[in-house]
Amino acid sequence: MATVYDVDAGKLNEAVAKDLRESVKLKKPEWANFVKTGANKERYPDSDDWWYNRAASMLRKVYVDGPIGVQRLRTVYGSRKRRGHRSKRFYRSGGKIIRTILLEFDGLGFTEKVKEGRKITAKGQSYLDKIASKLKV
């Protein structure tokens, strides 16, 4: 049986995002269509599926690097901001998006809260491993 480590991360994220949208029915908030992903961005995301792509990426990140907290995830998804003539500066991603997705995963039973942040549960691990094994074949 293949695990998350055995398949390409991009392909896994696409498959998990599609499954979260169709099978799991992950809830996308109404405000998600109008929000920027961080202070470093000028506009909101172009893709309509960005919420599910971010959720799939975060679930994989909790699997690989867990236990991991919101601040470390904000750093992972942050980037540099163009500030005109001034030098570029790194800004962390917005925390509300990350907290909302993690609370959804807690409700589904994929992650659980521990002292150091969030870690993957057995249900979440088996969910990702099943999708990874389908991709490996």
N, C-alpha and C. Protein backbone atom coordinates (compact mmCIF):
# COMPACT_ATOMS: atom_id res chain seq x y z
N MET A 1 0.84 -1.18 0.00
CA MET A 1 0.00 0.00 0.00
C MET A 1 0.88 1.24 0.00
N ALA A 2 0.59 2.16 -0.88
CA ALA A 2 1.38 3.37 -1.02
C ALA A 2 0.98 4.38 0.06
N THR A 3 1.93 5.23 0.41
CA THR A 3 1.66 6.29 1.37
C THR A 3 1.85 7.64 0.68
N VAL A 4 1.68 8.70 1.43
CA VAL A 4 1.82 10.06 0.91
C VAL A 4 3.23 10.30 0.41
N TYR A 5 4.19 9.66 1.02
CA TYR A 5 5.60 9.86 0.66
C TYR A 5 5.96 9.23 -0.69
N ASP A 6 5.15 8.31 -1.18
CA ASP A 6 5.46 7.55 -2.38
C ASP A 6 4.96 8.18 -3.67
N VAL A 7 4.11 9.20 -3.59
CA VAL A 7 3.53 9.81 -4.79
C VAL A 7 3.92 11.27 -4.88
N ASP A 8 3.75 11.82 -6.07
CA ASP A 8 4.06 13.23 -6.30
C ASP A 8 3.08 14.11 -5.53
N ALA A 9 3.60 15.15 -4.87
CA ALA A 9 2.77 16.01 -4.02
C ALA A 9 1.72 16.76 -4.83
N GLY A 10 2.07 17.24 -6.01
CA GLY A 10 1.12 17.98 -6.82
C GLY A 10 -0.05 17.13 -7.27
N LYS A 11 0.24 15.91 -7.71
CA LYS A 11 -0.83 15.02 -8.15
C LYS A 11 -1.72 14.61 -6.97
N LEU A 12 -1.09 14.39 -5.82
CA LEU A 12 -1.86 14.03 -4.63
C LEU A 12 -2.77 15.17 -4.22
N ASN A 13 -2.26 16.39 -4.23
CA ASN A 13 -3.08 17.54 -3.85
C ASN A 13 -4.27 17.73 -4.78
N GLU A 14 -4.07 17.51 -6.08
CA GLU A 14 -5.17 17.62 -7.03
C GLU A 14 -6.25 16.57 -6.75
N ALA A 15 -5.81 15.34 -6.50
CA ALA A 15 -6.77 14.25 -6.25
C ALA A 15 -7.51 14.46 -4.94
N VAL A 16 -6.80 14.91 -3.91
CA VAL A 16 -7.44 15.14 -2.61
C VAL A 16 -8.40 16.31 -2.70
N ALA A 17 -8.02 17.37 -3.41
CA ALA A 17 -8.90 18.53 -3.57
C ALA A 17 -10.19 18.13 -4.28
N LYS A 18 -10.06 17.32 -5.31
CA LYS A 18 -11.25 16.87 -6.04
C LYS A 18 -12.14 16.01 -5.14
N ASP A 19 -11.52 15.15 -4.34
CA ASP A 19 -12.30 14.29 -3.45
C ASP A 19 -12.94 15.10 -2.32
N LEU A 20 -12.24 16.09 -1.79
CA LEU A 20 -12.81 16.94 -0.74
C LEU A 20 -14.01 17.71 -1.26
N ARG A 21 -13.95 18.14 -2.51
CA ARG A 21 -15.05 18.89 -3.10
C ARG A 21 -16.25 18.00 -3.37
N GLU A 22 -16.02 16.77 -3.88
CA GLU A 22 -17.12 15.93 -4.33
C GLU A 22 -17.62 14.95 -3.28
N SER A 23 -16.72 14.20 -2.66
CA SER A 23 -17.13 13.13 -1.76
C SER A 23 -17.30 13.59 -0.31
N VAL A 24 -16.32 14.29 0.19
CA VAL A 24 -16.32 14.66 1.60
C VAL A 24 -17.24 15.85 1.85
N LYS A 25 -17.44 16.66 0.85
CA LYS A 25 -18.29 17.85 0.95
C LYS A 25 -17.76 18.82 2.01
N LEU A 26 -16.49 19.16 1.87
CA LEU A 26 -15.88 20.17 2.74
C LEU A 26 -16.59 21.50 2.51
N LYS A 27 -16.94 22.17 3.59
CA LYS A 27 -17.72 23.41 3.48
C LYS A 27 -16.80 24.58 3.16
N LYS A 28 -17.16 25.30 2.12
CA LYS A 28 -16.45 26.52 1.75
C LYS A 28 -17.28 27.70 2.22
N PRO A 29 -16.74 28.58 3.07
CA PRO A 29 -17.53 29.71 3.57
C PRO A 29 -17.91 30.68 2.46
N GLU A 30 -18.94 31.46 2.71
CA GLU A 30 -19.40 32.43 1.72
C GLU A 30 -18.34 33.51 1.47
N TRP A 31 -17.62 33.88 2.51
CA TRP A 31 -16.63 34.96 2.37
C TRP A 31 -15.39 34.52 1.61
N ALA A 32 -15.24 33.23 1.33
CA ALA A 32 -14.03 32.73 0.67
C ALA A 32 -13.89 33.23 -0.76
N ASN A 33 -14.97 33.66 -1.38
CA ASN A 33 -14.89 34.16 -2.75
C ASN A 33 -14.35 35.58 -2.83
N PHE A 34 -14.32 36.29 -1.70
CA PHE A 34 -13.97 37.70 -1.72
C PHE A 34 -12.73 38.03 -0.90
N VAL A 35 -12.08 37.06 -0.32
CA VAL A 35 -10.98 37.32 0.61
C VAL A 35 -9.63 37.10 -0.07
N LYS A 36 -8.66 37.92 0.29
CA LYS A 36 -7.30 37.69 -0.15
C LYS A 36 -6.68 36.63 0.75
N THR A 37 -5.65 35.96 0.27
CA THR A 37 -5.03 34.91 1.08
C THR A 37 -3.96 35.44 2.00
N GLY A 38 -3.61 36.71 1.89
CA GLY A 38 -2.63 37.30 2.79
C GLY A 38 -2.40 38.77 2.45
N ALA A 39 -1.65 39.44 3.32
CA ALA A 39 -1.37 40.86 3.12
C ALA A 39 -0.43 41.09 1.94
N ASN A 40 0.24 40.06 1.51
CA ASN A 40 1.19 40.17 0.41
C ASN A 40 0.51 40.11 -0.96
N LYS A 41 -0.76 39.77 -1.01
CA LYS A 41 -1.46 39.64 -2.27
C LYS A 41 -2.23 40.92 -2.59
N GLU A 42 -2.34 41.21 -3.89
CA GLU A 42 -3.08 42.39 -4.31
C GLU A 42 -4.55 42.08 -4.57
N ARG A 43 -4.86 40.84 -4.99
CA ARG A 43 -6.23 40.47 -5.33
C ARG A 43 -6.56 39.11 -4.73
N TYR A 44 -7.83 38.77 -4.78
CA TYR A 44 -8.26 37.46 -4.33
C TYR A 44 -7.86 36.41 -5.37
N PRO A 45 -7.83 35.12 -5.04
CA PRO A 45 -7.40 34.09 -5.98
C PRO A 45 -8.31 34.00 -7.21
N ASP A 46 -7.71 33.71 -8.35
CA ASP A 46 -8.45 33.62 -9.60
C ASP A 46 -9.29 32.34 -9.69
N SER A 47 -8.77 31.26 -9.17
CA SER A 47 -9.44 29.97 -9.27
C SER A 47 -10.61 29.88 -8.29
N ASP A 48 -11.69 29.25 -8.73
CA ASP A 48 -12.83 29.03 -7.84
C ASP A 48 -12.55 27.89 -6.86
N ASP A 49 -11.61 27.02 -7.20
CA ASP A 49 -11.31 25.85 -6.38
C ASP A 49 -10.15 26.08 -5.43
N TRP A 50 -9.72 27.30 -5.22
CA TRP A 50 -8.53 27.55 -4.41
C TRP A 50 -8.73 27.08 -2.97
N TRP A 51 -9.95 27.13 -2.46
CA TRP A 51 -10.21 26.72 -1.08
C TRP A 51 -9.90 25.23 -0.90
N TYR A 52 -10.33 24.42 -1.85
CA TYR A 52 -10.13 22.98 -1.76
C TYR A 52 -8.66 22.62 -2.02
N ASN A 53 -8.00 23.36 -2.91
CA ASN A 53 -6.57 23.13 -3.13
C ASN A 53 -5.76 23.46 -1.88
N ARG A 54 -6.10 24.56 -1.21
CA ARG A 54 -5.39 24.93 0.02
C ARG A 54 -5.67 23.90 1.11
N ALA A 55 -6.91 23.43 1.21
CA ALA A 55 -7.25 22.44 2.22
C ALA A 55 -6.51 21.12 1.99
N ALA A 56 -6.42 20.70 0.74
CA ALA A 56 -5.70 19.46 0.43
C ALA A 56 -4.21 19.61 0.75
N SER A 57 -3.66 20.75 0.41
CA SER A 57 -2.25 21.00 0.70
C SER A 57 -1.99 21.03 2.20
N MET A 58 -2.91 21.63 2.94
CA MET A 58 -2.74 21.71 4.40
C MET A 58 -2.87 20.33 5.04
N LEU A 59 -3.77 19.51 4.57
CA LEU A 59 -3.92 18.16 5.13
C LEU A 59 -2.65 17.35 4.90
N ARG A 60 -2.07 17.47 3.71
CA ARG A 60 -0.82 16.78 3.43
C ARG A 60 0.31 17.34 4.30
N LYS A 61 0.34 18.64 4.51
CA LYS A 61 1.37 19.27 5.32
C LYS A 61 1.28 18.83 6.78
N VAL A 62 0.06 18.70 7.30
CA VAL A 62 -0.12 18.21 8.67
C VAL A 62 0.32 16.75 8.77
N TYR A 63 0.05 15.97 7.72
CA TYR A 63 0.47 14.56 7.68
C TYR A 63 2.00 14.47 7.72
N VAL A 64 2.67 15.25 6.90
CA VAL A 64 4.12 15.13 6.76
C VAL A 64 4.87 15.80 7.91
N ASP A 65 4.46 17.01 8.29
CA ASP A 65 5.22 17.80 9.26
C ASP A 65 4.59 17.86 10.64
N GLY A 66 3.46 17.19 10.85
CA GLY A 66 2.73 17.34 12.11
C GLY A 66 3.46 16.78 13.30
N PRO A 67 3.18 17.25 14.48
CA PRO A 67 2.22 18.30 14.80
C PRO A 67 2.74 19.67 14.36
N ILE A 68 1.84 20.44 13.78
CA ILE A 68 2.19 21.75 13.24
C ILE A 68 1.08 22.73 13.62
N GLY A 69 1.48 23.96 13.93
CA GLY A 69 0.54 24.96 14.38
C GLY A 69 0.17 25.95 13.29
N VAL A 70 -0.73 26.85 13.64
CA VAL A 70 -1.23 27.83 12.68
C VAL A 70 -0.12 28.79 12.26
N GLN A 71 0.75 29.20 13.18
CA GLN A 71 1.81 30.15 12.84
C GLN A 71 2.79 29.56 11.84
N ARG A 72 3.14 28.31 12.00
CA ARG A 72 4.04 27.69 11.03
C ARG A 72 3.38 27.51 9.69
N LEU A 73 2.08 27.22 9.68
CA LEU A 73 1.36 27.11 8.41
C LEU A 73 1.24 28.48 7.74
N ARG A 74 1.08 29.54 8.52
CA ARG A 74 1.04 30.88 7.94
C ARG A 74 2.36 31.20 7.26
N THR A 75 3.47 30.76 7.86
CA THR A 75 4.78 30.98 7.25
C THR A 75 4.94 30.16 5.98
N VAL A 76 4.44 28.94 5.98
CA VAL A 76 4.55 28.07 4.80
C VAL A 76 3.82 28.69 3.61
N TYR A 77 2.63 29.24 3.84
CA TYR A 77 1.81 29.75 2.74
C TYR A 77 2.01 31.24 2.48
N GLY A 78 2.91 31.87 3.20
CA GLY A 78 3.21 33.28 2.95
C GLY A 78 4.17 33.43 1.78
N SER A 79 4.39 34.69 1.37
CA SER A 79 5.33 34.97 0.29
C SER A 79 5.78 36.42 0.38
N ARG A 80 6.63 36.80 -0.56
CA ARG A 80 7.15 38.16 -0.56
C ARG A 80 6.14 39.12 -1.19
N LYS A 81 6.17 40.35 -0.70
CA LYS A 81 5.29 41.37 -1.23
C LYS A 81 6.10 42.38 -2.02
N ARG A 82 5.60 42.72 -3.19
CA ARG A 82 6.24 43.76 -3.99
C ARG A 82 5.81 45.10 -3.42
N ARG A 83 6.79 45.95 -3.10
CA ARG A 83 6.47 47.22 -2.46
C ARG A 83 6.97 48.40 -3.28
N GLY A 84 6.94 48.29 -4.59
CA GLY A 84 7.39 49.38 -5.44
C GLY A 84 8.90 49.49 -5.46
N HIS A 85 9.42 50.69 -5.20
CA HIS A 85 10.87 50.90 -5.21
C HIS A 85 11.55 50.34 -3.97
N ARG A 86 10.79 50.16 -2.93
CA ARG A 86 11.39 49.60 -1.72
C ARG A 86 11.68 48.12 -1.94
N SER A 87 12.54 47.57 -1.09
CA SER A 87 12.89 46.17 -1.24
C SER A 87 11.70 45.28 -0.84
N LYS A 88 11.70 44.08 -1.39
CA LYS A 88 10.63 43.14 -1.11
C LYS A 88 10.72 42.70 0.35
N ARG A 89 9.58 42.34 0.89
CA ARG A 89 9.52 41.90 2.29
C ARG A 89 8.61 40.69 2.39
N PHE A 90 8.97 39.74 3.25
CA PHE A 90 8.16 38.53 3.43
C PHE A 90 6.99 38.83 4.36
N TYR A 91 5.81 38.39 3.94
CA TYR A 91 4.61 38.49 4.76
C TYR A 91 4.01 37.11 4.92
N ARG A 92 3.54 36.81 6.12
CA ARG A 92 2.88 35.53 6.34
C ARG A 92 1.47 35.56 5.76
N SER A 93 0.95 34.39 5.50
CA SER A 93 -0.40 34.26 4.96
C SER A 93 -1.43 34.62 6.04
N GLY A 94 -2.68 34.80 5.62
CA GLY A 94 -3.74 35.10 6.57
C GLY A 94 -4.07 33.90 7.44
N GLY A 95 -4.34 34.14 8.70
CA GLY A 95 -4.58 33.05 9.65
C GLY A 95 -6.01 32.55 9.69
N LYS A 96 -6.97 33.38 9.33
CA LYS A 96 -8.38 32.98 9.41
C LYS A 96 -8.67 31.81 8.47
N ILE A 97 -8.10 31.86 7.28
CA ILE A 97 -8.30 30.77 6.31
C ILE A 97 -7.76 29.46 6.88
N ILE A 98 -6.58 29.51 7.43
CA ILE A 98 -5.94 28.30 7.96
C ILE A 98 -6.71 27.76 9.16
N ARG A 99 -7.13 28.64 10.07
CA ARG A 99 -7.89 28.20 11.24
C ARG A 99 -9.22 27.59 10.83
N THR A 100 -9.90 28.19 9.87
CA THR A 100 -11.20 27.68 9.42
C THR A 100 -11.06 26.29 8.81
N ILE A 101 -10.05 26.10 7.98
CA ILE A 101 -9.84 24.79 7.36
C ILE A 101 -9.47 23.74 8.41
N LEU A 102 -8.62 24.11 9.36
CA LEU A 102 -8.25 23.16 10.41
C LEU A 102 -9.45 22.79 11.28
N LEU A 103 -10.33 23.73 11.56
CA LEU A 103 -11.54 23.42 12.33
C LEU A 103 -12.45 22.48 11.55
N GLU A 104 -12.53 22.65 10.23
CA GLU A 104 -13.31 21.73 9.41
C GLU A 104 -12.73 20.32 9.47
N PHE A 105 -11.41 20.22 9.39
CA PHE A 105 -10.77 18.91 9.47
C PHE A 105 -10.94 18.28 10.85
N ASP A 106 -10.93 19.11 11.90
CA ASP A 106 -11.20 18.58 13.24
C ASP A 106 -12.61 18.01 13.32
N GLY A 107 -13.56 18.71 12.72
CA GLY A 107 -14.94 18.23 12.71
C GLY A 107 -15.12 16.94 11.92
N LEU A 108 -14.35 16.80 10.84
CA LEU A 108 -14.42 15.57 10.04
C LEU A 108 -13.66 14.41 10.68
N GLY A 109 -12.81 14.71 11.65
CA GLY A 109 -12.02 13.68 12.31
C GLY A 109 -10.70 13.40 11.63
N PHE A 110 -10.26 14.25 10.69
CA PHE A 110 -8.99 14.04 10.00
C PHE A 110 -7.80 14.54 10.82
N THR A 111 -7.99 15.57 11.63
CA THR A 111 -6.93 16.09 12.48
C THR A 111 -7.44 16.21 13.90
N GLU A 112 -6.51 16.36 14.82
CA GLU A 112 -6.88 16.60 16.21
C GLU A 112 -5.91 17.60 16.82
N LYS A 113 -6.40 18.33 17.80
CA LYS A 113 -5.61 19.37 18.44
C LYS A 113 -4.77 18.75 19.56
N VAL A 114 -3.49 19.06 19.54
CA VAL A 114 -2.58 18.64 20.60
C VAL A 114 -1.87 19.90 21.10
N LYS A 115 -1.00 19.73 22.07
CA LYS A 115 -0.33 20.88 22.68
C LYS A 115 0.50 21.67 21.67
N GLU A 116 1.14 20.99 20.74
CA GLU A 116 2.03 21.64 19.77
C GLU A 116 1.31 22.17 18.54
N GLY A 117 0.01 21.92 18.39
CA GLY A 117 -0.71 22.35 17.21
C GLY A 117 -1.72 21.31 16.78
N ARG A 118 -1.66 20.90 15.52
CA ARG A 118 -2.55 19.87 15.00
C ARG A 118 -1.73 18.69 14.51
N LYS A 119 -2.29 17.50 14.68
CA LYS A 119 -1.66 16.31 14.13
C LYS A 119 -2.72 15.48 13.43
N ILE A 120 -2.28 14.64 12.54
CA ILE A 120 -3.18 13.82 11.73
C ILE A 120 -3.69 12.66 12.59
N THR A 121 -4.94 12.30 12.40
CA THR A 121 -5.50 11.15 13.11
C THR A 121 -5.38 9.92 12.23
N ALA A 122 -5.76 8.78 12.79
CA ALA A 122 -5.71 7.54 12.01
C ALA A 122 -6.69 7.60 10.84
N LYS A 123 -7.83 8.25 11.04
CA LYS A 123 -8.82 8.39 9.96
C LYS A 123 -8.27 9.26 8.84
N GLY A 124 -7.62 10.36 9.18
CA GLY A 124 -7.04 11.24 8.17
C GLY A 124 -5.88 10.58 7.45
N GLN A 125 -5.08 9.83 8.19
CA GLN A 125 -3.95 9.13 7.58
C GLN A 125 -4.43 8.07 6.60
N SER A 126 -5.44 7.32 6.97
CA SER A 126 -5.95 6.29 6.06
C SER A 126 -6.63 6.92 4.84
N TYR A 127 -7.28 8.07 5.03
CA TYR A 127 -7.90 8.78 3.92
C TYR A 127 -6.86 9.18 2.88
N LEU A 128 -5.77 9.79 3.33
CA LEU A 128 -4.72 10.20 2.41
C LEU A 128 -3.99 9.02 1.79
N ASP A 129 -3.76 7.97 2.58
CA ASP A 129 -3.07 6.80 2.06
C ASP A 129 -3.90 6.07 1.00
N LYS A 130 -5.23 6.05 1.15
CA LYS A 130 -6.08 5.41 0.14
C LYS A 130 -6.01 6.16 -1.19
N ILE A 131 -6.02 7.48 -1.11
CA ILE A 131 -5.92 8.27 -2.35
C ILE A 131 -4.54 8.11 -2.96
N ALA A 132 -3.51 8.05 -2.12
CA ALA A 132 -2.15 7.88 -2.62
C ALA A 132 -1.98 6.51 -3.29
N SER A 133 -2.60 5.48 -2.73
CA SER A 133 -2.47 4.16 -3.33
C SER A 133 -3.23 4.08 -4.67
N LYS A 134 -4.32 4.84 -4.80
CA LYS A 134 -5.02 4.88 -6.10
C LYS A 134 -4.15 5.56 -7.15
N LEU A 135 -3.39 6.56 -6.75
CA LEU A 135 -2.52 7.27 -7.70
C LEU A 135 -1.29 6.44 -8.06
N LYS A 136 -0.84 5.62 -7.14
CA LYS A 136 0.38 4.84 -7.37
C LYS A 136 0.15 3.75 -8.40
N VAL A 137 -1.05 3.23 -8.48
CA VAL A 137 -1.35 2.13 -9.41
C VAL A 137 -1.33 2.57 -10.84
